[in-house]
Structure formats: structure tokens, C-alpha cells
Amino acid sequence: MKQNHKKIKIYSEALCNSVDTFESFQSIKSSLYELTVLSKKDLTINTFIKSKSIDSNQKMNIFTEAFNEVFDKNLLDVLLVMIENDDMNLLIDINKSFIVLAKEKLNIAYVEVTSSTDMDSNAKAELSSALSDITKKKIDINFSTNKDLIGGLKIKIDDMLFDSSLKTKLENAKSKLIGV
């Protein structure tokens, strides 16, 4: 297990060293996410990656052909080393570790915004800009909707949650009224 932690650290640091802009971070993050989703969803790809009967050189050639035009060169290089060393089973943990390291390196905050209705692109851009100004960080933002909120927003910035939803305000008022 300790050996896996060392490998995860080495691979994620290699990926982190290859990103120097928010855009390159987003590109690698997105590609890693899509690859992990694809390997979970598609049994053929998952079997191919984990197969012991297919030579690692053959896997590397197929992988290069399939992803050479799609993936960042540095990401592809790291993935090829992982294939060569039979470490693709560490992909999810490497992805998580890479995101943590890159966020720190590039001063990025991860933000989840949940609203009761869809926000238009101008509102999203304004909110993202305001959050960037407030946090003094670049914002990696994800928007979602939840009709149960009734109104308002829930904004999670890294580990802090700001809840201005009408649902929460009503629940708080109810608790005060009944003395709970």
C-alpha cells in the first residue's frame, strides 16, 4: 500500500509539473475525468487496460493511437508510463492527488454553486468573477440546480459552505419557532 502512495505521488507530481496555466490544468483535469469515466463505463476498455495477456508495448501503441490527438502530450506520456508499469489501477487516486497539487500550485478554488433555477451565462460569469475577486483565486466552478431549494443559492468554496437558500432559511425559522 505504501508503494502505491509513492507511485501516486510521483505520477501526480509529474502531471502537476506539466501544468502552468489554468487552461492546461482544466485540459488535463477534464481528460483524466473522461478517461476514468470511460474506463468505469466501458467494460471493453477496462478489460483492455487491466489485461495481463496483452503486452504492455502493444497497449502503449494502441493507447497512443487512440489518444494522441485528444490528450495533452504530457498527460499521454504519464499515462504511457503508467501502462508500462501496470499502474492504471491507480488512475482515480492520481487524478485526485493531481487536482489537489495543481490547485495549490496555480491558486485555484473549486466552487460548487447550486441554485433553484438555471442561471443564465451572464449571471454565471458575474458570480464566477465576483468569487474570484473575493477569494483572490482562479475559480474552477460547477453549476447545478436543485428545485428543492425554492430560492437562493448554496455556494461551496473548497471546504466552506455558504447557504442562502430559502429552504434553509425556512428550516431555521421553523427550528426557532418550535424551540429545537
N, C-alpha and C. Protein backbone atom coordinates (compact mmCIF):
# COMPACT_ATOMS: atom_id res chain seq x y z
N MET A 1 0.83 -1.20 0.00
CA MET A 1 0.00 0.00 0.00
C MET A 1 0.87 1.26 0.00
N LYS A 2 1.94 1.24 0.82
CA LYS A 2 2.84 2.39 0.88
C LYS A 2 3.49 2.64 -0.47
N GLN A 3 3.79 1.55 -1.18
CA GLN A 3 4.37 1.66 -2.52
C GLN A 3 3.41 2.38 -3.46
N ASN A 4 2.11 2.09 -3.34
CA ASN A 4 1.11 2.77 -4.17
C ASN A 4 1.09 4.27 -3.88
N HIS A 5 1.20 4.65 -2.62
CA HIS A 5 1.21 6.07 -2.27
C HIS A 5 2.39 6.79 -2.92
N LYS A 6 3.53 6.12 -2.94
CA LYS A 6 4.72 6.70 -3.59
C LYS A 6 4.47 6.88 -5.09
N LYS A 7 3.90 5.86 -5.71
CA LYS A 7 3.62 5.92 -7.15
C LYS A 7 2.61 7.02 -7.45
N ILE A 8 1.54 7.09 -6.65
CA ILE A 8 0.52 8.12 -6.85
C ILE A 8 1.16 9.51 -6.76
N LYS A 9 2.02 9.68 -5.77
CA LYS A 9 2.70 10.97 -5.59
C LYS A 9 3.59 11.29 -6.80
N ILE A 10 4.33 10.33 -7.26
CA ILE A 10 5.23 10.55 -8.40
C ILE A 10 4.44 10.93 -9.65
N TYR A 11 3.40 10.15 -9.97
CA TYR A 11 2.61 10.43 -11.17
C TYR A 11 1.87 11.77 -11.07
N SER A 12 1.27 12.04 -9.92
CA SER A 12 0.50 13.29 -9.78
C SER A 12 1.43 14.50 -9.79
N GLU A 13 2.62 14.37 -9.22
CA GLU A 13 3.59 15.47 -9.27
C GLU A 13 4.08 15.70 -10.70
N ALA A 14 4.26 14.63 -11.45
CA ALA A 14 4.67 14.77 -12.85
C ALA A 14 3.60 15.52 -13.64
N LEU A 15 2.34 15.17 -13.40
CA LEU A 15 1.25 15.89 -14.08
C LEU A 15 1.19 17.34 -13.62
N CYS A 16 1.34 17.56 -12.33
CA CYS A 16 1.28 18.92 -11.79
C CYS A 16 2.41 19.78 -12.36
N ASN A 17 3.58 19.20 -12.51
CA ASN A 17 4.72 19.94 -13.08
C ASN A 17 4.48 20.33 -14.53
N SER A 18 3.57 19.63 -15.19
CA SER A 18 3.31 19.92 -16.60
C SER A 18 2.26 21.02 -16.80
N VAL A 19 1.58 21.42 -15.73
CA VAL A 19 0.59 22.49 -15.86
C VAL A 19 1.17 23.81 -15.35
N ASP A 20 1.02 24.84 -16.16
CA ASP A 20 1.50 26.16 -15.74
C ASP A 20 0.44 27.24 -15.94
N THR A 21 -0.71 26.83 -16.47
CA THR A 21 -1.81 27.78 -16.63
C THR A 21 -3.12 27.12 -16.18
N PHE A 22 -4.09 27.94 -15.91
CA PHE A 22 -5.41 27.45 -15.53
C PHE A 22 -5.99 26.60 -16.66
N GLU A 23 -5.75 27.01 -17.91
CA GLU A 23 -6.27 26.30 -19.07
C GLU A 23 -5.64 24.91 -19.20
N SER A 24 -4.33 24.81 -18.97
CA SER A 24 -3.68 23.49 -19.07
C SER A 24 -4.17 22.59 -17.93
N PHE A 25 -4.40 23.18 -16.76
CA PHE A 25 -4.99 22.42 -15.64
C PHE A 25 -6.36 21.87 -16.03
N GLN A 26 -7.20 22.75 -16.58
CA GLN A 26 -8.56 22.34 -16.97
C GLN A 26 -8.51 21.23 -18.02
N SER A 27 -7.61 21.35 -18.96
CA SER A 27 -7.49 20.36 -20.04
C SER A 27 -7.12 18.98 -19.48
N ILE A 28 -6.10 18.93 -18.64
CA ILE A 28 -5.67 17.65 -18.09
C ILE A 28 -6.72 17.10 -17.13
N LYS A 29 -7.30 17.97 -16.31
CA LYS A 29 -8.35 17.54 -15.37
C LYS A 29 -9.52 16.92 -16.13
N SER A 30 -9.94 17.59 -17.19
CA SER A 30 -11.06 17.11 -17.99
C SER A 30 -10.74 15.77 -18.66
N SER A 31 -9.55 15.65 -19.22
CA SER A 31 -9.14 14.41 -19.89
C SER A 31 -9.07 13.25 -18.90
N LEU A 32 -8.50 13.51 -17.73
CA LEU A 32 -8.42 12.46 -16.70
C LEU A 32 -9.81 12.03 -16.25
N TYR A 33 -10.69 13.00 -16.08
CA TYR A 33 -12.05 12.68 -15.67
C TYR A 33 -12.74 11.81 -16.72
N GLU A 34 -12.63 12.22 -17.98
CA GLU A 34 -13.26 11.46 -19.06
C GLU A 34 -12.68 10.04 -19.17
N LEU A 35 -11.39 9.92 -18.98
CA LEU A 35 -10.76 8.60 -19.04
C LEU A 35 -11.23 7.72 -17.89
N THR A 36 -11.34 8.27 -16.68
CA THR A 36 -11.82 7.46 -15.56
C THR A 36 -13.28 7.06 -15.75
N VAL A 37 -14.10 7.97 -16.25
CA VAL A 37 -15.50 7.64 -16.51
C VAL A 37 -15.60 6.57 -17.59
N LEU A 38 -14.82 6.75 -18.64
CA LEU A 38 -14.82 5.79 -19.75
C LEU A 38 -14.37 4.41 -19.29
N SER A 39 -13.34 4.36 -18.46
CA SER A 39 -12.85 3.05 -18.01
C SER A 39 -13.84 2.38 -17.06
N LYS A 40 -14.64 3.18 -16.35
CA LYS A 40 -15.67 2.60 -15.47
C LYS A 40 -16.88 2.12 -16.28
N LYS A 41 -17.28 2.91 -17.28
CA LYS A 41 -18.48 2.61 -18.05
C LYS A 41 -18.28 1.51 -19.08
N ASP A 42 -17.15 1.56 -19.77
CA ASP A 42 -16.93 0.66 -20.89
C ASP A 42 -16.11 -0.55 -20.44
N LEU A 43 -16.75 -1.67 -20.35
CA LEU A 43 -16.10 -2.90 -19.89
C LEU A 43 -14.95 -3.30 -20.81
N THR A 44 -15.07 -3.01 -22.10
CA THR A 44 -14.02 -3.37 -23.06
C THR A 44 -12.73 -2.62 -22.75
N ILE A 45 -12.85 -1.32 -22.50
CA ILE A 45 -11.66 -0.51 -22.20
C ILE A 45 -11.07 -0.94 -20.87
N ASN A 46 -11.93 -1.15 -19.89
CA ASN A 46 -11.47 -1.57 -18.58
C ASN A 46 -10.73 -2.91 -18.66
N THR A 47 -11.28 -3.84 -19.41
CA THR A 47 -10.65 -5.15 -19.60
C THR A 47 -9.33 -5.00 -20.33
N PHE A 48 -9.30 -4.16 -21.36
CA PHE A 48 -8.08 -3.91 -22.12
C PHE A 48 -6.98 -3.36 -21.22
N ILE A 49 -7.32 -2.36 -20.41
CA ILE A 49 -6.33 -1.72 -19.55
C ILE A 49 -5.77 -2.71 -18.52
N LYS A 50 -6.63 -3.56 -17.98
CA LYS A 50 -6.22 -4.48 -16.91
C LYS A 50 -5.71 -5.83 -17.42
N SER A 51 -5.81 -6.04 -18.71
CA SER A 51 -5.44 -7.34 -19.28
C SER A 51 -3.96 -7.65 -19.09
N LYS A 52 -3.70 -8.87 -18.62
CA LYS A 52 -2.31 -9.34 -18.47
C LYS A 52 -1.85 -10.06 -19.74
N SER A 53 -2.82 -10.43 -20.60
CA SER A 53 -2.47 -11.19 -21.80
C SER A 53 -2.02 -10.29 -22.96
N ILE A 54 -2.28 -9.00 -22.84
CA ILE A 54 -1.84 -8.06 -23.88
C ILE A 54 -0.54 -7.42 -23.42
N ASP A 55 0.47 -7.51 -24.25
CA ASP A 55 1.78 -6.96 -23.96
C ASP A 55 1.69 -5.45 -23.71
N SER A 56 2.45 -4.94 -22.75
CA SER A 56 2.38 -3.51 -22.41
C SER A 56 2.79 -2.62 -23.59
N ASN A 57 3.73 -3.08 -24.41
CA ASN A 57 4.11 -2.29 -25.59
C ASN A 57 2.95 -2.17 -26.57
N GLN A 58 2.23 -3.26 -26.73
CA GLN A 58 1.06 -3.25 -27.61
C GLN A 58 -0.02 -2.31 -27.03
N LYS A 59 -0.24 -2.38 -25.73
CA LYS A 59 -1.20 -1.48 -25.08
C LYS A 59 -0.79 -0.02 -25.29
N MET A 60 0.51 0.24 -25.11
CA MET A 60 1.00 1.61 -25.26
C MET A 60 0.80 2.12 -26.68
N ASN A 61 1.06 1.27 -27.67
CA ASN A 61 0.86 1.67 -29.06
C ASN A 61 -0.61 1.96 -29.36
N ILE A 62 -1.49 1.10 -28.89
CA ILE A 62 -2.92 1.30 -29.10
C ILE A 62 -3.39 2.56 -28.39
N PHE A 63 -2.94 2.74 -27.17
CA PHE A 63 -3.31 3.92 -26.38
C PHE A 63 -2.83 5.20 -27.06
N THR A 64 -1.60 5.17 -27.57
CA THR A 64 -1.04 6.35 -28.27
C THR A 64 -1.86 6.66 -29.51
N GLU A 65 -2.18 5.63 -30.29
CA GLU A 65 -3.00 5.85 -31.49
C GLU A 65 -4.37 6.43 -31.15
N ALA A 66 -4.97 5.91 -30.11
CA ALA A 66 -6.32 6.33 -29.74
C ALA A 66 -6.37 7.73 -29.17
N PHE A 67 -5.36 8.12 -28.39
CA PHE A 67 -5.45 9.38 -27.64
C PHE A 67 -4.42 10.44 -28.01
N ASN A 68 -3.57 10.17 -28.99
CA ASN A 68 -2.51 11.11 -29.36
C ASN A 68 -3.05 12.48 -29.75
N GLU A 69 -4.14 12.52 -30.47
CA GLU A 69 -4.71 13.79 -30.92
C GLU A 69 -5.61 14.44 -29.87
N VAL A 70 -6.02 13.67 -28.88
CA VAL A 70 -7.02 14.13 -27.91
C VAL A 70 -6.38 14.64 -26.62
N PHE A 71 -5.40 13.92 -26.10
CA PHE A 71 -4.81 14.24 -24.81
C PHE A 71 -3.59 15.14 -24.95
N ASP A 72 -3.38 15.94 -23.92
CA ASP A 72 -2.16 16.73 -23.77
C ASP A 72 -0.96 15.77 -23.82
N LYS A 73 0.12 16.19 -24.46
CA LYS A 73 1.28 15.31 -24.63
C LYS A 73 1.84 14.85 -23.29
N ASN A 74 1.94 15.76 -22.32
CA ASN A 74 2.47 15.39 -21.01
C ASN A 74 1.58 14.36 -20.31
N LEU A 75 0.28 14.55 -20.42
CA LEU A 75 -0.65 13.58 -19.84
C LEU A 75 -0.47 12.22 -20.51
N LEU A 76 -0.39 12.21 -21.82
CA LEU A 76 -0.22 10.95 -22.54
C LEU A 76 1.08 10.27 -22.13
N ASP A 77 2.15 11.04 -21.97
CA ASP A 77 3.43 10.45 -21.54
C ASP A 77 3.31 9.79 -20.17
N VAL A 78 2.64 10.47 -19.25
CA VAL A 78 2.46 9.89 -17.90
C VAL A 78 1.60 8.63 -17.98
N LEU A 79 0.54 8.68 -18.77
CA LEU A 79 -0.33 7.51 -18.92
C LEU A 79 0.42 6.33 -19.53
N LEU A 80 1.29 6.60 -20.47
CA LEU A 80 2.07 5.53 -21.10
C LEU A 80 3.02 4.88 -20.09
N VAL A 81 3.63 5.69 -19.24
CA VAL A 81 4.49 5.14 -18.18
C VAL A 81 3.65 4.30 -17.22
N MET A 82 2.46 4.79 -16.91
CA MET A 82 1.56 4.02 -16.03
C MET A 82 1.19 2.67 -16.65
N ILE A 83 0.94 2.66 -17.96
CA ILE A 83 0.62 1.41 -18.65
C ILE A 83 1.82 0.48 -18.61
N GLU A 84 2.99 1.04 -18.91
CA GLU A 84 4.21 0.26 -18.92
C GLU A 84 4.47 -0.39 -17.55
N ASN A 85 4.17 0.35 -16.49
CA ASN A 85 4.42 -0.15 -15.13
C ASN A 85 3.20 -0.86 -14.52
N ASP A 86 2.16 -1.06 -15.34
CA ASP A 86 0.93 -1.71 -14.90
C ASP A 86 0.32 -1.00 -13.68
N ASP A 87 0.23 0.34 -13.78
CA ASP A 87 -0.27 1.17 -12.69
C ASP A 87 -1.58 1.88 -13.02
N MET A 88 -2.28 1.47 -14.07
CA MET A 88 -3.52 2.16 -14.45
C MET A 88 -4.61 2.02 -13.38
N ASN A 89 -4.48 1.03 -12.51
CA ASN A 89 -5.44 0.88 -11.42
C ASN A 89 -5.37 2.05 -10.42
N LEU A 90 -4.33 2.85 -10.50
CA LEU A 90 -4.15 4.00 -9.60
C LEU A 90 -4.71 5.30 -10.17
N LEU A 91 -5.33 5.21 -11.34
CA LEU A 91 -5.77 6.41 -12.08
C LEU A 91 -6.66 7.34 -11.25
N ILE A 92 -7.64 6.80 -10.56
CA ILE A 92 -8.57 7.64 -9.81
C ILE A 92 -7.83 8.40 -8.70
N ASP A 93 -6.96 7.69 -7.98
CA ASP A 93 -6.21 8.34 -6.90
C ASP A 93 -5.20 9.35 -7.43
N ILE A 94 -4.61 9.06 -8.57
CA ILE A 94 -3.67 10.00 -9.19
C ILE A 94 -4.42 11.26 -9.61
N ASN A 95 -5.61 11.09 -10.16
CA ASN A 95 -6.44 12.22 -10.57
C ASN A 95 -6.73 13.12 -9.36
N LYS A 96 -7.17 12.53 -8.25
CA LYS A 96 -7.47 13.30 -7.04
C LYS A 96 -6.24 14.04 -6.53
N SER A 97 -5.13 13.35 -6.47
CA SER A 97 -3.89 13.95 -5.97
C SER A 97 -3.41 15.08 -6.89
N PHE A 98 -3.50 14.85 -8.20
CA PHE A 98 -3.12 15.88 -9.17
C PHE A 98 -3.94 17.16 -8.97
N ILE A 99 -5.25 17.00 -8.78
CA ILE A 99 -6.12 18.17 -8.62
C ILE A 99 -5.72 18.96 -7.38
N VAL A 100 -5.46 18.28 -6.28
CA VAL A 100 -5.05 18.96 -5.04
C VAL A 100 -3.74 19.72 -5.25
N LEU A 101 -2.76 19.06 -5.85
CA LEU A 101 -1.46 19.69 -6.08
C LEU A 101 -1.55 20.88 -7.04
N ALA A 102 -2.29 20.70 -8.12
CA ALA A 102 -2.41 21.76 -9.13
C ALA A 102 -3.19 22.96 -8.59
N LYS A 103 -4.23 22.70 -7.80
CA LYS A 103 -5.00 23.80 -7.20
C LYS A 103 -4.10 24.65 -6.32
N GLU A 104 -3.24 24.00 -5.56
CA GLU A 104 -2.32 24.73 -4.69
C GLU A 104 -1.28 25.50 -5.53
N LYS A 105 -0.73 24.84 -6.52
CA LYS A 105 0.31 25.45 -7.36
C LYS A 105 -0.22 26.67 -8.12
N LEU A 106 -1.43 26.55 -8.67
CA LEU A 106 -1.98 27.61 -9.53
C LEU A 106 -2.95 28.54 -8.81
N ASN A 107 -3.12 28.36 -7.49
CA ASN A 107 -4.01 29.21 -6.70
C ASN A 107 -5.44 29.15 -7.23
N ILE A 108 -6.00 27.96 -7.21
CA ILE A 108 -7.34 27.70 -7.75
C ILE A 108 -8.26 27.27 -6.62
N ALA A 109 -9.47 27.81 -6.62
CA ALA A 109 -10.50 27.38 -5.68
C ALA A 109 -11.55 26.60 -6.46
N TYR A 110 -11.98 25.47 -5.90
CA TYR A 110 -13.05 24.70 -6.52
C TYR A 110 -14.36 25.17 -5.91
N VAL A 111 -15.30 25.54 -6.77
CA VAL A 111 -16.57 26.10 -6.33
C VAL A 111 -17.72 25.30 -6.92
N GLU A 112 -18.67 24.94 -6.05
CA GLU A 112 -19.92 24.30 -6.49
C GLU A 112 -21.04 25.27 -6.16
N VAL A 113 -21.81 25.64 -7.17
CA VAL A 113 -22.95 26.54 -6.99
C VAL A 113 -24.22 25.77 -7.30
N THR A 114 -25.13 25.75 -6.33
CA THR A 114 -26.42 25.09 -6.54
C THR A 114 -27.49 26.16 -6.41
N SER A 115 -28.35 26.26 -7.42
CA SER A 115 -29.45 27.23 -7.40
C SER A 115 -30.76 26.50 -7.65
N SER A 116 -31.86 27.20 -7.35
CA SER A 116 -33.17 26.57 -7.53
C SER A 116 -33.60 26.56 -8.99
N THR A 117 -33.03 27.45 -9.79
CA THR A 117 -33.33 27.51 -11.23
C THR A 117 -32.03 27.64 -12.00
N ASP A 118 -32.10 27.38 -13.30
CA ASP A 118 -30.91 27.54 -14.14
C ASP A 118 -30.49 29.00 -14.18
N MET A 119 -29.21 29.23 -14.07
CA MET A 119 -28.67 30.59 -14.17
C MET A 119 -28.24 30.83 -15.62
N ASP A 120 -28.47 32.04 -16.12
CA ASP A 120 -28.02 32.33 -17.48
C ASP A 120 -26.51 32.55 -17.48
N SER A 121 -25.93 32.55 -18.66
CA SER A 121 -24.47 32.61 -18.77
C SER A 121 -23.89 33.91 -18.20
N ASN A 122 -24.63 35.04 -18.32
CA ASN A 122 -24.14 36.29 -17.74
C ASN A 122 -24.08 36.21 -16.22
N ALA A 123 -25.13 35.66 -15.60
CA ALA A 123 -25.15 35.52 -14.14
C ALA A 123 -24.02 34.60 -13.67
N LYS A 124 -23.80 33.52 -14.41
CA LYS A 124 -22.71 32.61 -14.07
C LYS A 124 -21.36 33.30 -14.15
N ALA A 125 -21.15 34.06 -15.22
CA ALA A 125 -19.88 34.76 -15.41
C ALA A 125 -19.68 35.81 -14.32
N GLU A 126 -20.74 36.55 -13.99
CA GLU A 126 -20.64 37.57 -12.93
C GLU A 126 -20.33 36.94 -11.58
N LEU A 127 -21.02 35.85 -11.26
CA LEU A 127 -20.78 35.17 -9.99
C LEU A 127 -19.36 34.62 -9.93
N SER A 128 -18.91 34.01 -11.01
CA SER A 128 -17.56 33.47 -11.07
C SER A 128 -16.53 34.58 -10.89
N SER A 129 -16.73 35.70 -11.54
CA SER A 129 -15.82 36.84 -11.42
C SER A 129 -15.82 37.39 -10.00
N ALA A 130 -17.00 37.53 -9.39
CA ALA A 130 -17.10 38.05 -8.03
C ALA A 130 -16.41 37.10 -7.04
N LEU A 131 -16.62 35.80 -7.22
CA LEU A 131 -15.97 34.83 -6.34
C LEU A 131 -14.45 34.85 -6.50
N SER A 132 -13.99 35.06 -7.72
CA SER A 132 -12.56 35.17 -7.97
C SER A 132 -11.99 36.39 -7.26
N ASP A 133 -12.71 37.51 -7.33
CA ASP A 133 -12.27 38.74 -6.65
C ASP A 133 -12.23 38.55 -5.14
N ILE A 134 -13.26 37.90 -4.60
CA ILE A 134 -13.36 37.71 -3.15
C ILE A 134 -12.28 36.77 -2.63
N THR A 135 -12.07 35.66 -3.33
CA THR A 135 -11.12 34.65 -2.86
C THR A 135 -9.69 34.94 -3.29
N LYS A 136 -9.53 35.83 -4.24
CA LYS A 136 -8.20 36.14 -4.82
C LYS A 136 -7.58 34.89 -5.45
N LYS A 137 -8.48 34.04 -6.01
CA LYS A 137 -8.04 32.82 -6.68
C LYS A 137 -8.75 32.67 -8.01
N LYS A 138 -8.17 31.84 -8.87
CA LYS A 138 -8.88 31.46 -10.08
C LYS A 138 -9.96 30.48 -9.66
N ILE A 139 -11.07 30.50 -10.35
CA ILE A 139 -12.22 29.71 -9.94
C ILE A 139 -12.48 28.56 -10.92
N ASP A 140 -12.48 27.34 -10.37
CA ASP A 140 -12.88 26.14 -11.10
C ASP A 140 -14.29 25.86 -10.62
N ILE A 141 -15.29 26.22 -11.44
CA ILE A 141 -16.67 26.28 -10.96
C ILE A 141 -17.57 25.26 -11.64
N ASN A 142 -18.52 24.74 -10.86
CA ASN A 142 -19.51 23.81 -11.35
C ASN A 142 -20.89 24.30 -10.91
N PHE A 143 -21.81 24.42 -11.86
CA PHE A 143 -23.17 24.88 -11.57
C PHE A 143 -24.13 23.71 -11.65
N SER A 144 -25.08 23.68 -10.71
CA SER A 144 -26.15 22.68 -10.75
C SER A 144 -27.44 23.30 -10.23
N THR A 145 -28.55 22.62 -10.47
CA THR A 145 -29.83 23.11 -9.97
C THR A 145 -30.46 22.08 -9.05
N ASN A 146 -31.23 22.60 -8.09
CA ASN A 146 -31.98 21.76 -7.16
C ASN A 146 -33.26 22.51 -6.84
N LYS A 147 -34.36 22.07 -7.42
CA LYS A 147 -35.67 22.74 -7.24
C LYS A 147 -36.10 22.80 -5.77
N ASP A 148 -35.60 21.87 -4.94
CA ASP A 148 -35.97 21.84 -3.52
C ASP A 148 -35.48 23.06 -2.75
N LEU A 149 -34.53 23.80 -3.31
CA LEU A 149 -34.01 24.98 -2.60
C LEU A 149 -35.03 26.12 -2.53
N ILE A 150 -36.01 26.10 -3.39
CA ILE A 150 -37.08 27.10 -3.51
C ILE A 150 -36.53 28.41 -4.07
N GLY A 151 -35.50 28.95 -3.51
CA GLY A 151 -34.87 30.18 -3.99
C GLY A 151 -33.51 30.31 -3.35
N GLY A 152 -32.72 31.27 -3.82
CA GLY A 152 -31.40 31.48 -3.25
C GLY A 152 -30.35 30.55 -3.84
N LEU A 153 -29.20 30.51 -3.17
CA LEU A 153 -28.06 29.73 -3.64
C LEU A 153 -27.39 28.98 -2.50
N LYS A 154 -26.74 27.90 -2.86
CA LYS A 154 -25.77 27.25 -1.99
C LYS A 154 -24.45 27.34 -2.73
N ILE A 155 -23.45 27.89 -2.08
CA ILE A 155 -22.13 28.04 -2.70
C ILE A 155 -21.11 27.34 -1.81
N LYS A 156 -20.43 26.36 -2.37
CA LYS A 156 -19.38 25.66 -1.64
C LYS A 156 -18.05 26.03 -2.27
N ILE A 157 -17.19 26.65 -1.48
CA ILE A 157 -15.86 27.03 -1.94
C ILE A 157 -14.87 26.14 -1.19
N ASP A 158 -14.25 25.24 -1.92
CA ASP A 158 -13.39 24.22 -1.33
C ASP A 158 -14.15 23.52 -0.20
N ASP A 159 -13.83 23.80 1.06
CA ASP A 159 -14.48 23.11 2.17
C ASP A 159 -15.49 23.97 2.92
N MET A 160 -15.73 25.19 2.48
CA MET A 160 -16.67 26.08 3.16
C MET A 160 -17.99 26.15 2.40
N LEU A 161 -19.11 26.05 3.13
CA LEU A 161 -20.43 26.10 2.52
C LEU A 161 -21.15 27.37 2.96
N PHE A 162 -21.64 28.12 1.98
CA PHE A 162 -22.45 29.31 2.22
C PHE A 162 -23.84 28.99 1.69
N ASP A 163 -24.82 28.98 2.58
CA ASP A 163 -26.16 28.56 2.22
C ASP A 163 -27.13 29.72 2.43
N SER A 164 -27.57 30.32 1.33
CA SER A 164 -28.56 31.39 1.41
C SER A 164 -29.88 30.95 0.77
N SER A 165 -30.09 29.63 0.76
CA SER A 165 -31.31 29.12 0.12
C SER A 165 -32.52 29.40 1.00
N LEU A 166 -33.64 29.62 0.36
CA LEU A 166 -34.88 29.88 1.07
C LEU A 166 -35.29 28.66 1.91
N LYS A 167 -35.01 27.47 1.39
CA LYS A 167 -35.34 26.24 2.12
C LYS A 167 -34.63 26.23 3.47
N THR A 168 -33.35 26.52 3.50
CA THR A 168 -32.60 26.52 4.75
C THR A 168 -33.09 27.61 5.69
N LYS A 169 -33.40 28.79 5.15
CA LYS A 169 -33.90 29.88 5.98
C LYS A 169 -35.24 29.50 6.62
N LEU A 170 -36.10 28.84 5.86
CA LEU A 170 -37.39 28.40 6.40
C LEU A 170 -37.20 27.32 7.47
N GLU A 171 -36.27 26.40 7.23
CA GLU A 171 -35.99 25.36 8.23
C GLU A 171 -35.44 25.96 9.51
N ASN A 172 -34.58 26.96 9.39
CA ASN A 172 -34.01 27.64 10.57
C ASN A 172 -35.10 28.38 11.34
N ALA A 173 -35.99 29.05 10.61
CA ALA A 173 -37.08 29.77 11.26
C ALA A 173 -38.01 28.79 11.99
N LYS A 174 -38.30 27.65 11.36
CA LYS A 174 -39.14 26.64 11.96
C LYS A 174 -38.50 26.12 13.25
N SER A 175 -37.21 25.87 13.22
CA SER A 175 -36.50 25.37 14.40
C SER A 175 -36.57 26.37 15.56
N LYS A 176 -36.43 27.65 15.24
CA LYS A 176 -36.51 28.68 16.28
C LYS A 176 -37.91 28.78 16.85
N LEU A 177 -38.91 28.64 15.99
CA LEU A 177 -40.30 28.75 16.45
C LEU A 177 -40.70 27.61 17.38
N ILE A 178 -40.23 26.40 17.06
CA ILE A 178 -40.62 25.26 17.90
C ILE A 178 -39.59 25.00 19.00
N GLY A 179 -38.56 25.81 19.05
CA GLY A 179 -37.58 25.72 20.14
C GLY A 179 -36.64 24.55 20.08
N VAL A 180 -36.33 24.08 18.91
CA VAL A 180 -35.42 22.95 18.78
C VAL A 180 -34.01 23.45 18.61
